[in-house]
Amino acid sequence: MGDSARLRSLGLAKDLLMLRVGVAILAVIYFAGFLLFVNAIERATPPLNPADGIVVLTGGPLRLEAAAALLEMKLGKRLLITGVARSTTKTQLKLLAHGGPRFDCCADLGFSATSTHGNAKETAEWVRKNDYSSLIIVTTNYHMPRSLNEFSTAMPHVDFEPWPVAAQGTDVPHWWRNPHTFFVLQGEYLKYLVSLARSLVRS
């Protein structure tokens, strides 16, 4: 092998080594971020202060039940259920949520949102309409970080109180033992990173 070929071979080997090191560093950063994300997920509902409004993101009956209960406790003036399918009626949601008397007068349905980003936009319009400055956000515990990021970006002058709800079939405290939970959290973490990136671009 000539000197030039030997140099090219050494250069290629060096480039491959640098690529492997770079990939390894990115993998460590990604997994460290994932651990921080998982550790930040609320394991229990925190103390809650009353707010102007309550917002629940559709995605399961437990979310709706929790939000309807908060409304009956008068922790918010009105409730917005955002991301409702257009074929769904308020009567159906009341039954699903086990809603009480205040559900009839004080629960609003939002039909335009089809994503968490859309939930935030739909809620921002509702907030402007009602002139609210504080909200209780109800969603699944592992979905809360992305929701709060989207809502804070859409409504920077609004105060948010999280009310996380444990998801059925996901064991967040022992995520490493449950493949289903691991993949659910991985998917949510990737969506959260995309949400953060989009927020940085918008800012």
N, C-alpha and C. Protein backbone atom coordinates (compact mmCIF):
# COMPACT_ATOMS: atom_id res chain seq x y z
N MET A 1 0.84 -1.19 0.00
CA MET A 1 0.00 0.00 0.00
C MET A 1 0.87 1.23 0.00
N GLY A 2 0.59 2.19 -0.91
CA GLY A 2 1.36 3.41 -0.97
C GLY A 2 1.05 4.33 0.18
N ASP A 3 1.93 5.38 0.30
CA ASP A 3 1.74 6.33 1.40
C ASP A 3 0.39 7.04 1.30
N SER A 4 -0.03 7.45 0.10
CA SER A 4 -1.29 8.19 -0.06
C SER A 4 -2.48 7.30 0.30
N ALA A 5 -2.43 6.03 -0.11
CA ALA A 5 -3.52 5.11 0.21
C ALA A 5 -3.57 4.86 1.71
N ARG A 6 -2.36 4.76 2.31
CA ARG A 6 -2.32 4.52 3.75
C ARG A 6 -2.90 5.72 4.51
N LEU A 7 -2.61 6.91 4.04
CA LEU A 7 -3.13 8.12 4.68
C LEU A 7 -4.65 8.21 4.54
N ARG A 8 -5.13 7.85 3.33
CA ARG A 8 -6.59 7.86 3.13
C ARG A 8 -7.27 6.85 4.05
N SER A 9 -6.63 5.67 4.21
CA SER A 9 -7.19 4.64 5.07
C SER A 9 -7.21 5.10 6.53
N LEU A 10 -6.13 5.75 6.96
CA LEU A 10 -6.08 6.26 8.33
C LEU A 10 -7.12 7.37 8.53
N GLY A 11 -7.28 8.21 7.50
CA GLY A 11 -8.26 9.29 7.59
C GLY A 11 -9.68 8.74 7.69
N LEU A 12 -9.98 7.71 6.90
CA LEU A 12 -11.29 7.08 6.94
C LEU A 12 -11.56 6.44 8.30
N ALA A 13 -10.54 5.76 8.83
CA ALA A 13 -10.68 5.12 10.14
C ALA A 13 -10.93 6.18 11.22
N LYS A 14 -10.23 7.32 11.10
CA LYS A 14 -10.42 8.40 12.07
C LYS A 14 -11.84 8.96 11.97
N ASP A 15 -12.33 9.13 10.73
CA ASP A 15 -13.69 9.66 10.54
C ASP A 15 -14.73 8.71 11.12
N LEU A 16 -14.54 7.40 10.90
CA LEU A 16 -15.48 6.42 11.44
C LEU A 16 -15.46 6.43 12.97
N LEU A 17 -14.27 6.59 13.55
CA LEU A 17 -14.15 6.64 15.01
C LEU A 17 -14.88 7.86 15.56
N MET A 18 -14.68 9.01 14.91
CA MET A 18 -15.35 10.24 15.34
C MET A 18 -16.86 10.11 15.22
N LEU A 19 -17.32 9.44 14.14
CA LEU A 19 -18.75 9.24 13.95
C LEU A 19 -19.32 8.37 15.07
N ARG A 20 -18.60 7.29 15.41
CA ARG A 20 -19.06 6.41 16.48
C ARG A 20 -19.09 7.14 17.81
N VAL A 21 -18.07 7.94 18.07
CA VAL A 21 -18.03 8.71 19.33
C VAL A 21 -19.19 9.69 19.38
N GLY A 22 -19.45 10.36 18.24
CA GLY A 22 -20.56 11.31 18.18
C GLY A 22 -21.91 10.64 18.42
N VAL A 23 -22.10 9.48 17.79
CA VAL A 23 -23.35 8.74 17.98
C VAL A 23 -23.49 8.30 19.44
N ALA A 24 -22.40 7.85 20.04
CA ALA A 24 -22.43 7.42 21.44
C ALA A 24 -22.78 8.58 22.36
N ILE A 25 -22.20 9.75 22.10
CA ILE A 25 -22.49 10.94 22.93
C ILE A 25 -23.96 11.33 22.80
N LEU A 26 -24.48 11.33 21.56
CA LEU A 26 -25.88 11.67 21.35
C LEU A 26 -26.80 10.67 22.05
N ALA A 27 -26.42 9.39 22.01
CA ALA A 27 -27.23 8.37 22.67
C ALA A 27 -27.26 8.60 24.18
N VAL A 28 -26.12 8.94 24.76
CA VAL A 28 -26.06 9.21 26.20
C VAL A 28 -26.91 10.42 26.55
N ILE A 29 -26.81 11.49 25.74
CA ILE A 29 -27.60 12.70 25.99
C ILE A 29 -29.10 12.40 25.87
N TYR A 30 -29.45 11.63 24.83
CA TYR A 30 -30.86 11.28 24.63
C TYR A 30 -31.40 10.50 25.82
N PHE A 31 -30.66 9.48 26.27
CA PHE A 31 -31.17 8.64 27.35
C PHE A 31 -31.17 9.40 28.67
N ALA A 32 -30.19 10.28 28.88
CA ALA A 32 -30.19 11.09 30.11
C ALA A 32 -31.41 12.01 30.12
N GLY A 33 -31.72 12.59 28.95
CA GLY A 33 -32.91 13.43 28.85
C GLY A 33 -34.18 12.63 29.10
N PHE A 34 -34.21 11.40 28.61
CA PHE A 34 -35.37 10.54 28.83
C PHE A 34 -35.56 10.26 30.32
N LEU A 35 -34.46 10.00 31.03
CA LEU A 35 -34.55 9.74 32.47
C LEU A 35 -35.07 10.97 33.21
N LEU A 36 -34.59 12.15 32.82
CA LEU A 36 -35.09 13.39 33.43
C LEU A 36 -36.57 13.57 33.15
N PHE A 37 -36.97 13.26 31.92
CA PHE A 37 -38.38 13.37 31.53
C PHE A 37 -39.26 12.45 32.38
N VAL A 38 -38.84 11.20 32.53
CA VAL A 38 -39.62 10.23 33.30
C VAL A 38 -39.69 10.65 34.77
N ASN A 39 -38.55 11.11 35.31
CA ASN A 39 -38.53 11.50 36.72
C ASN A 39 -39.38 12.74 36.99
N ALA A 40 -39.61 13.54 35.95
CA ALA A 40 -40.42 14.76 36.11
C ALA A 40 -41.91 14.48 36.07
N ILE A 41 -42.30 13.27 35.66
CA ILE A 41 -43.72 12.93 35.58
C ILE A 41 -44.28 12.82 36.99
N GLU A 42 -45.39 13.52 37.23
CA GLU A 42 -46.02 13.48 38.54
C GLU A 42 -46.55 12.07 38.83
N ARG A 43 -46.21 11.55 40.00
CA ARG A 43 -46.70 10.24 40.41
C ARG A 43 -48.02 10.35 41.17
N ALA A 44 -48.31 11.56 41.69
CA ALA A 44 -49.56 11.78 42.44
C ALA A 44 -50.04 13.19 42.15
N THR A 45 -51.30 13.44 42.40
CA THR A 45 -51.86 14.76 42.15
C THR A 45 -51.34 15.74 43.19
N PRO A 46 -50.81 16.89 42.77
CA PRO A 46 -50.26 17.87 43.70
C PRO A 46 -51.37 18.69 44.35
N PRO A 47 -51.03 19.48 45.38
CA PRO A 47 -52.03 20.42 45.93
C PRO A 47 -52.53 21.35 44.83
N LEU A 48 -53.80 21.71 44.90
CA LEU A 48 -54.43 22.44 43.81
C LEU A 48 -55.09 23.72 44.32
N ASN A 49 -54.84 24.81 43.60
CA ASN A 49 -55.49 26.08 43.90
C ASN A 49 -56.60 26.33 42.90
N PRO A 50 -57.67 27.02 43.29
CA PRO A 50 -58.73 27.36 42.33
C PRO A 50 -58.18 28.20 41.19
N ALA A 51 -58.81 28.10 40.02
CA ALA A 51 -58.40 28.87 38.85
C ALA A 51 -59.65 29.40 38.16
N ASP A 52 -59.44 30.26 37.17
CA ASP A 52 -60.58 30.79 36.41
C ASP A 52 -61.31 29.67 35.66
N GLY A 53 -60.53 28.81 34.99
CA GLY A 53 -61.13 27.76 34.19
C GLY A 53 -60.43 26.43 34.36
N ILE A 54 -61.09 25.38 33.90
CA ILE A 54 -60.54 24.02 33.90
C ILE A 54 -60.54 23.53 32.46
N VAL A 55 -59.45 22.92 32.04
CA VAL A 55 -59.35 22.39 30.67
C VAL A 55 -58.94 20.93 30.75
N VAL A 56 -59.68 20.07 30.05
CA VAL A 56 -59.31 18.67 29.98
C VAL A 56 -59.09 18.29 28.52
N LEU A 57 -57.99 17.60 28.26
CA LEU A 57 -57.69 17.12 26.92
C LEU A 57 -58.28 15.73 26.77
N THR A 58 -59.07 15.52 25.73
CA THR A 58 -59.71 14.22 25.56
C THR A 58 -58.65 13.13 25.37
N GLY A 59 -59.04 11.90 25.75
CA GLY A 59 -58.11 10.80 25.63
C GLY A 59 -58.41 9.65 26.56
N GLY A 60 -59.51 9.76 27.32
CA GLY A 60 -59.86 8.67 28.21
C GLY A 60 -60.86 9.12 29.25
N PRO A 61 -61.70 8.20 29.75
CA PRO A 61 -62.73 8.57 30.72
C PRO A 61 -62.18 9.06 32.05
N LEU A 62 -61.00 8.58 32.46
CA LEU A 62 -60.45 9.02 33.74
C LEU A 62 -60.14 10.51 33.73
N ARG A 63 -59.66 11.02 32.61
CA ARG A 63 -59.42 12.46 32.50
C ARG A 63 -60.73 13.23 32.66
N LEU A 64 -61.76 12.77 31.95
CA LEU A 64 -63.05 13.45 31.99
C LEU A 64 -63.66 13.40 33.38
N GLU A 65 -63.57 12.26 34.04
CA GLU A 65 -64.11 12.13 35.40
C GLU A 65 -63.40 13.09 36.35
N ALA A 66 -62.09 13.18 36.24
CA ALA A 66 -61.32 14.07 37.11
C ALA A 66 -61.71 15.53 36.88
N ALA A 67 -61.83 15.92 35.61
CA ALA A 67 -62.16 17.30 35.29
C ALA A 67 -63.58 17.65 35.75
N ALA A 68 -64.53 16.73 35.54
CA ALA A 68 -65.91 16.97 35.96
C ALA A 68 -65.99 17.10 37.48
N ALA A 69 -65.21 16.31 38.20
CA ALA A 69 -65.20 16.39 39.66
C ALA A 69 -64.66 17.74 40.12
N LEU A 70 -63.61 18.24 39.46
CA LEU A 70 -63.05 19.54 39.81
C LEU A 70 -64.07 20.65 39.56
N LEU A 71 -64.83 20.51 38.47
CA LEU A 71 -65.86 21.50 38.16
C LEU A 71 -66.93 21.52 39.25
N GLU A 72 -67.38 20.35 39.69
CA GLU A 72 -68.40 20.28 40.75
C GLU A 72 -67.88 20.82 42.07
N MET A 73 -66.57 20.74 42.28
CA MET A 73 -65.96 21.30 43.49
C MET A 73 -65.77 22.81 43.39
N LYS A 74 -66.16 23.37 42.24
CA LYS A 74 -66.08 24.82 41.99
C LYS A 74 -64.64 25.34 42.05
N LEU A 75 -63.72 24.51 41.56
CA LEU A 75 -62.33 24.94 41.47
C LEU A 75 -62.07 25.72 40.19
N GLY A 76 -63.07 25.84 39.34
CA GLY A 76 -63.02 26.66 38.14
C GLY A 76 -64.41 27.11 37.78
N LYS A 77 -64.51 28.26 37.09
CA LYS A 77 -65.83 28.79 36.72
C LYS A 77 -66.47 27.96 35.61
N ARG A 78 -65.64 27.56 34.66
CA ARG A 78 -66.14 26.76 33.53
C ARG A 78 -65.12 25.68 33.19
N LEU A 79 -65.60 24.67 32.46
CA LEU A 79 -64.76 23.57 32.00
C LEU A 79 -64.76 23.54 30.48
N LEU A 80 -63.58 23.44 29.89
CA LEU A 80 -63.47 23.21 28.45
C LEU A 80 -62.97 21.79 28.21
N ILE A 81 -63.72 21.03 27.42
CA ILE A 81 -63.27 19.71 26.96
C ILE A 81 -62.78 19.91 25.54
N THR A 82 -61.48 19.86 25.34
CA THR A 82 -60.90 20.19 24.05
C THR A 82 -60.51 18.93 23.28
N GLY A 83 -60.77 18.94 21.96
CA GLY A 83 -60.45 17.80 21.12
C GLY A 83 -61.57 16.79 21.03
N VAL A 84 -62.81 17.25 21.15
CA VAL A 84 -63.96 16.36 21.12
C VAL A 84 -64.28 15.97 19.67
N ALA A 85 -64.60 14.71 19.43
CA ALA A 85 -65.03 14.27 18.10
C ALA A 85 -66.36 14.93 17.76
N ARG A 86 -66.52 15.32 16.50
CA ARG A 86 -67.72 16.07 16.10
C ARG A 86 -69.00 15.27 16.25
N SER A 87 -68.90 13.96 16.27
CA SER A 87 -70.09 13.13 16.41
C SER A 87 -70.50 12.94 17.88
N THR A 88 -69.68 13.43 18.80
CA THR A 88 -69.95 13.24 20.23
C THR A 88 -70.82 14.36 20.77
N THR A 89 -71.79 14.01 21.59
CA THR A 89 -72.70 15.01 22.17
C THR A 89 -72.31 15.30 23.62
N LYS A 90 -72.84 16.40 24.11
CA LYS A 90 -72.59 16.78 25.51
C LYS A 90 -73.22 15.78 26.46
N THR A 91 -74.37 15.25 26.10
CA THR A 91 -75.04 14.24 26.93
C THR A 91 -74.17 12.99 27.06
N GLN A 92 -73.56 12.57 25.96
CA GLN A 92 -72.69 11.39 26.00
C GLN A 92 -71.48 11.64 26.90
N LEU A 93 -70.89 12.83 26.79
CA LEU A 93 -69.73 13.15 27.61
C LEU A 93 -70.09 13.24 29.08
N LYS A 94 -71.28 13.77 29.37
CA LYS A 94 -71.70 13.86 30.77
C LYS A 94 -71.82 12.47 31.39
N LEU A 95 -72.39 11.54 30.65
CA LEU A 95 -72.50 10.18 31.14
C LEU A 95 -71.12 9.54 31.33
N LEU A 96 -70.23 9.78 30.37
CA LEU A 96 -68.88 9.21 30.43
C LEU A 96 -68.09 9.78 31.59
N ALA A 97 -68.32 11.08 31.85
CA ALA A 97 -67.56 11.77 32.90
C ALA A 97 -68.23 11.69 34.26
N HIS A 98 -69.43 11.09 34.32
CA HIS A 98 -70.22 11.09 35.56
C HIS A 98 -70.39 12.52 36.06
N GLY A 99 -70.75 13.40 35.13
CA GLY A 99 -70.88 14.82 35.45
C GLY A 99 -72.08 15.11 36.34
N GLY A 100 -71.94 16.16 37.14
CA GLY A 100 -73.01 16.58 38.03
C GLY A 100 -73.79 17.75 37.47
N PRO A 101 -74.53 18.48 38.31
CA PRO A 101 -75.37 19.58 37.85
C PRO A 101 -74.62 20.69 37.12
N ARG A 102 -73.40 20.99 37.54
CA ARG A 102 -72.66 22.08 36.92
C ARG A 102 -72.19 21.74 35.51
N PHE A 103 -72.16 20.45 35.18
CA PHE A 103 -71.73 20.05 33.84
C PHE A 103 -72.66 20.65 32.78
N ASP A 104 -73.97 20.69 33.07
CA ASP A 104 -74.95 21.18 32.10
C ASP A 104 -74.75 22.67 31.79
N CYS A 105 -74.48 23.44 32.82
CA CYS A 105 -74.39 24.89 32.61
C CYS A 105 -73.00 25.38 32.26
N CYS A 106 -72.00 24.66 32.72
CA CYS A 106 -70.66 25.26 32.75
C CYS A 106 -69.58 24.45 32.03
N ALA A 107 -69.98 23.46 31.24
CA ALA A 107 -69.01 22.68 30.46
C ALA A 107 -69.14 23.04 28.99
N ASP A 108 -68.03 23.40 28.37
CA ASP A 108 -67.99 23.75 26.95
C ASP A 108 -67.23 22.68 26.19
N LEU A 109 -67.65 22.42 24.96
CA LEU A 109 -67.01 21.41 24.12
C LEU A 109 -66.25 22.09 22.98
N GLY A 110 -65.00 21.68 22.78
CA GLY A 110 -64.21 22.18 21.66
C GLY A 110 -64.00 21.08 20.64
N PHE A 111 -64.36 21.36 19.39
CA PHE A 111 -64.36 20.34 18.35
C PHE A 111 -63.23 20.50 17.32
N SER A 112 -62.44 21.54 17.41
CA SER A 112 -61.49 21.81 16.32
C SER A 112 -60.13 21.14 16.51
N ALA A 113 -59.74 20.84 17.73
CA ALA A 113 -58.38 20.32 17.98
C ALA A 113 -58.26 18.84 17.62
N THR A 114 -57.15 18.50 16.97
CA THR A 114 -56.85 17.10 16.65
C THR A 114 -55.46 16.69 17.15
N SER A 115 -54.81 17.57 17.91
CA SER A 115 -53.48 17.30 18.45
C SER A 115 -53.29 18.14 19.70
N THR A 116 -52.21 17.89 20.43
CA THR A 116 -51.93 18.70 21.63
C THR A 116 -51.69 20.15 21.25
N HIS A 117 -51.00 20.38 20.15
CA HIS A 117 -50.81 21.74 19.65
C HIS A 117 -52.16 22.38 19.34
N GLY A 118 -53.05 21.60 18.75
CA GLY A 118 -54.39 22.11 18.46
C GLY A 118 -55.18 22.36 19.72
N ASN A 119 -55.01 21.50 20.74
CA ASN A 119 -55.66 21.73 22.04
C ASN A 119 -55.28 23.09 22.62
N ALA A 120 -53.99 23.41 22.51
CA ALA A 120 -53.51 24.69 23.05
C ALA A 120 -54.12 25.87 22.28
N LYS A 121 -54.19 25.77 20.97
CA LYS A 121 -54.79 26.84 20.18
C LYS A 121 -56.27 27.00 20.49
N GLU A 122 -56.97 25.88 20.58
CA GLU A 122 -58.40 25.92 20.88
C GLU A 122 -58.64 26.52 22.27
N THR A 123 -57.80 26.15 23.22
CA THR A 123 -57.93 26.68 24.58
C THR A 123 -57.62 28.17 24.62
N ALA A 124 -56.63 28.60 23.86
CA ALA A 124 -56.28 30.03 23.84
C ALA A 124 -57.47 30.88 23.38
N GLU A 125 -58.22 30.40 22.40
CA GLU A 125 -59.41 31.12 21.95
C GLU A 125 -60.46 31.18 23.05
N TRP A 126 -60.64 30.07 23.76
CA TRP A 126 -61.60 30.00 24.86
C TRP A 126 -61.19 30.93 25.98
N VAL A 127 -59.90 31.01 26.27
CA VAL A 127 -59.38 31.90 27.32
C VAL A 127 -59.63 33.36 26.96
N ARG A 128 -59.37 33.72 25.70
CA ARG A 128 -59.61 35.11 25.27
C ARG A 128 -61.10 35.45 25.36
N LYS A 129 -61.94 34.53 24.96
CA LYS A 129 -63.38 34.75 24.99
C LYS A 129 -63.88 34.99 26.41
N ASN A 130 -63.34 34.25 27.36
CA ASN A 130 -63.80 34.34 28.75
C ASN A 130 -62.95 35.27 29.62
N ASP A 131 -61.87 35.81 29.04
CA ASP A 131 -60.98 36.72 29.75
C ASP A 131 -60.42 36.05 31.02
N TYR A 132 -59.90 34.84 30.85
CA TYR A 132 -59.32 34.10 31.96
C TYR A 132 -57.81 34.34 32.03
N SER A 133 -57.28 34.21 33.24
CA SER A 133 -55.83 34.37 33.42
C SER A 133 -55.20 33.18 34.14
N SER A 134 -56.00 32.19 34.51
CA SER A 134 -55.46 31.00 35.17
C SER A 134 -56.29 29.78 34.79
N LEU A 135 -55.61 28.65 34.62
CA LEU A 135 -56.27 27.41 34.20
C LEU A 135 -55.74 26.22 34.97
N ILE A 136 -56.63 25.27 35.23
CA ILE A 136 -56.23 23.94 35.70
C ILE A 136 -56.22 23.04 34.48
N ILE A 137 -55.09 22.38 34.22
CA ILE A 137 -54.95 21.50 33.06
C ILE A 137 -55.05 20.05 33.52
N VAL A 138 -55.99 19.32 32.92
CA VAL A 138 -56.19 17.91 33.27
C VAL A 138 -55.83 17.05 32.07
N THR A 139 -54.86 16.17 32.26
CA THR A 139 -54.50 15.20 31.22
C THR A 139 -53.72 14.07 31.87
N THR A 140 -53.35 13.08 31.09
CA THR A 140 -52.59 11.95 31.61
C THR A 140 -51.23 12.42 32.14
N ASN A 141 -50.74 11.78 33.19
CA ASN A 141 -49.51 12.25 33.83
C ASN A 141 -48.33 12.35 32.86
N TYR A 142 -48.11 11.33 32.02
CA TYR A 142 -46.95 11.39 31.12
C TYR A 142 -47.17 12.36 29.95
N HIS A 143 -48.41 12.77 29.73
CA HIS A 143 -48.73 13.74 28.68
C HIS A 143 -48.64 15.18 29.17
N MET A 144 -48.55 15.36 30.49
CA MET A 144 -48.58 16.70 31.08
C MET A 144 -47.39 17.59 30.66
N PRO A 145 -46.13 17.10 30.65
CA PRO A 145 -45.03 17.99 30.26
C PRO A 145 -45.21 18.60 28.87
N ARG A 146 -45.60 17.79 27.88
CA ARG A 146 -45.81 18.32 26.53
C ARG A 146 -47.00 19.27 26.50
N SER A 147 -48.05 18.93 27.22
CA SER A 147 -49.24 19.79 27.25
C SER A 147 -48.89 21.16 27.84
N LEU A 148 -48.18 21.17 28.96
CA LEU A 148 -47.83 22.43 29.59
C LEU A 148 -46.92 23.27 28.69
N ASN A 149 -46.02 22.60 27.96
CA ASN A 149 -45.16 23.34 27.04
C ASN A 149 -45.97 23.99 25.93
N GLU A 150 -46.89 23.24 25.34
CA GLU A 150 -47.73 23.79 24.27
C GLU A 150 -48.64 24.90 24.78
N PHE A 151 -49.23 24.69 25.94
CA PHE A 151 -50.14 25.69 26.49
C PHE A 151 -49.40 26.95 26.90
N SER A 152 -48.21 26.81 27.50
CA SER A 152 -47.43 27.97 27.90
C SER A 152 -46.98 28.78 26.69
N THR A 153 -46.65 28.09 25.60
CA THR A 153 -46.25 28.79 24.39
C THR A 153 -47.42 29.55 23.77
N ALA A 154 -48.59 28.93 23.77
CA ALA A 154 -49.77 29.56 23.18
C ALA A 154 -50.34 30.66 24.07
N MET A 155 -50.14 30.54 25.39
CA MET A 155 -50.72 31.50 26.34
C MET A 155 -49.67 31.88 27.39
N PRO A 156 -48.66 32.67 27.00
CA PRO A 156 -47.55 32.96 27.92
C PRO A 156 -47.94 33.76 29.16
N HIS A 157 -49.08 34.43 29.12
CA HIS A 157 -49.48 35.27 30.26
C HIS A 157 -50.53 34.60 31.15
N VAL A 158 -50.76 33.31 30.93
CA VAL A 158 -51.73 32.56 31.72
C VAL A 158 -51.00 31.67 32.72
N ASP A 159 -51.52 31.57 33.93
CA ASP A 159 -50.96 30.68 34.95
C ASP A 159 -51.64 29.31 34.86
N PHE A 160 -50.82 28.25 34.98
CA PHE A 160 -51.34 26.89 34.82
C PHE A 160 -51.13 26.07 36.08
N GLU A 161 -52.17 25.34 36.45
CA GLU A 161 -52.12 24.38 37.56
C GLU A 161 -52.28 22.98 36.96
N PRO A 162 -51.26 22.12 37.02
CA PRO A 162 -51.40 20.77 36.46
C PRO A 162 -52.20 19.86 37.37
N TRP A 163 -53.07 19.04 36.78
CA TRP A 163 -53.78 17.99 37.51
C TRP A 163 -53.59 16.69 36.73
N PRO A 164 -52.46 16.01 36.96
CA PRO A 164 -52.15 14.79 36.20
C PRO A 164 -53.00 13.61 36.64
N VAL A 165 -53.39 12.81 35.66
CA VAL A 165 -54.22 11.62 35.90
C VAL A 165 -53.40 10.39 35.48
N ALA A 166 -53.35 9.40 36.35
CA ALA A 166 -52.63 8.16 36.02
C ALA A 166 -53.33 7.44 34.87
N ALA A 167 -52.55 6.95 33.93
CA ALA A 167 -53.11 6.26 32.76
C ALA A 167 -53.29 4.79 33.05
N GLN A 168 -54.40 4.22 32.60
CA GLN A 168 -54.63 2.79 32.74
C GLN A 168 -53.66 2.02 31.84
N GLY A 169 -53.06 0.98 32.38
CA GLY A 169 -52.19 0.12 31.59
C GLY A 169 -50.75 0.60 31.49
N THR A 170 -50.41 1.71 32.16
CA THR A 170 -49.03 2.18 32.15
C THR A 170 -48.53 2.27 33.59
N ASP A 171 -47.40 1.64 33.86
CA ASP A 171 -46.82 1.62 35.19
C ASP A 171 -45.60 2.53 35.19
N VAL A 172 -45.85 3.84 35.28
CA VAL A 172 -44.76 4.82 35.17
C VAL A 172 -43.70 4.63 36.24
N PRO A 173 -44.05 4.41 37.51
CA PRO A 173 -42.98 4.26 38.52
C PRO A 173 -42.03 3.10 38.24
N HIS A 174 -42.50 2.06 37.55
CA HIS A 174 -41.65 0.90 37.24
C HIS A 174 -41.58 0.69 35.73
N TRP A 175 -41.34 1.76 35.00
CA TRP A 175 -41.38 1.72 33.54
C TRP A 175 -40.39 0.74 32.94
N TRP A 176 -39.25 0.54 33.59
CA TRP A 176 -38.22 -0.36 33.02
C TRP A 176 -38.62 -1.83 33.08
N ARG A 177 -39.64 -2.16 33.86
CA ARG A 177 -40.10 -3.54 33.96
C ARG A 177 -41.20 -3.87 32.96
N ASN A 178 -41.78 -2.84 32.36
CA ASN A 178 -42.96 -3.03 31.53
C ASN A 178 -42.68 -2.55 30.11
N PRO A 179 -42.51 -3.45 29.14
CA PRO A 179 -42.20 -3.02 27.76
C PRO A 179 -43.24 -2.07 27.18
N HIS A 180 -44.52 -2.31 27.47
CA HIS A 180 -45.56 -1.42 26.95
C HIS A 180 -45.37 0.00 27.47
N THR A 181 -45.15 0.13 28.78
CA THR A 181 -44.94 1.46 29.37
C THR A 181 -43.68 2.11 28.80
N PHE A 182 -42.62 1.32 28.63
CA PHE A 182 -41.37 1.86 28.10
C PHE A 182 -41.58 2.47 26.72
N PHE A 183 -42.27 1.76 25.84
CA PHE A 183 -42.47 2.27 24.49
C PHE A 183 -43.45 3.45 24.46
N VAL A 184 -44.45 3.44 25.35
CA VAL A 184 -45.37 4.58 25.45
C VAL A 184 -44.60 5.83 25.87
N LEU A 185 -43.74 5.69 26.88
CA LEU A 185 -42.97 6.83 27.36
C LEU A 185 -41.93 7.29 26.35
N GLN A 186 -41.33 6.35 25.62
CA GLN A 186 -40.39 6.73 24.57
C GLN A 186 -41.09 7.56 23.50
N GLY A 187 -42.28 7.11 23.08
CA GLY A 187 -43.02 7.85 22.07
C GLY A 187 -43.40 9.24 22.56
N GLU A 188 -43.83 9.34 23.81
CA GLU A 188 -44.21 10.65 24.36
C GLU A 188 -42.99 11.55 24.51
N TYR A 189 -41.85 10.97 24.89
CA TYR A 189 -40.62 11.76 25.03
C TYR A 189 -40.20 12.36 23.68
N LEU A 190 -40.28 11.57 22.62
CA LEU A 190 -39.94 12.08 21.30
C LEU A 190 -40.89 13.23 20.89
N LYS A 191 -42.18 13.06 21.17
CA LYS A 191 -43.15 14.13 20.86
C LYS A 191 -42.86 15.38 21.69
N TYR A 192 -42.43 15.16 22.93
CA TYR A 192 -42.08 16.28 23.80
C TYR A 192 -40.87 17.05 23.25
N LEU A 193 -39.87 16.33 22.76
CA LEU A 193 -38.70 16.98 22.17
C LEU A 193 -39.10 17.79 20.93
N VAL A 194 -39.97 17.23 20.10
CA VAL A 194 -40.47 17.96 18.93
C VAL A 194 -41.21 19.21 19.36
N SER A 195 -42.02 19.09 20.41
CA SER A 195 -42.77 20.23 20.93
C SER A 195 -41.83 21.32 21.42
N LEU A 196 -40.78 20.94 22.15
CA LEU A 196 -39.80 21.92 22.62
C LEU A 196 -39.11 22.62 21.45
N ALA A 197 -38.72 21.85 20.44
CA ALA A 197 -38.05 22.43 19.27
C ALA A 197 -38.97 23.41 18.56
N ARG A 198 -40.24 23.04 18.41
CA ARG A 198 -41.19 23.92 17.74
C ARG A 198 -41.40 25.20 18.53
N SER A 199 -41.41 25.08 19.85
CA SER A 199 -41.57 26.27 20.69
C SER A 199 -40.39 27.21 20.56
N LEU A 200 -39.18 26.63 20.47
CA LEU A 200 -37.99 27.46 20.29
C LEU A 200 -38.01 28.20 18.96
N VAL A 201 -38.46 27.52 17.92
CA VAL A 201 -38.55 28.14 16.61
C VAL A 201 -39.56 29.28 16.62
N ARG A 202 -40.72 29.05 17.28
CA ARG A 202 -41.76 30.07 17.32
C ARG A 202 -41.32 31.28 18.13
N SER A 203 -40.48 31.05 19.15
CA SER A 203 -40.02 32.16 19.98
C SER A 203 -38.89 32.95 19.31
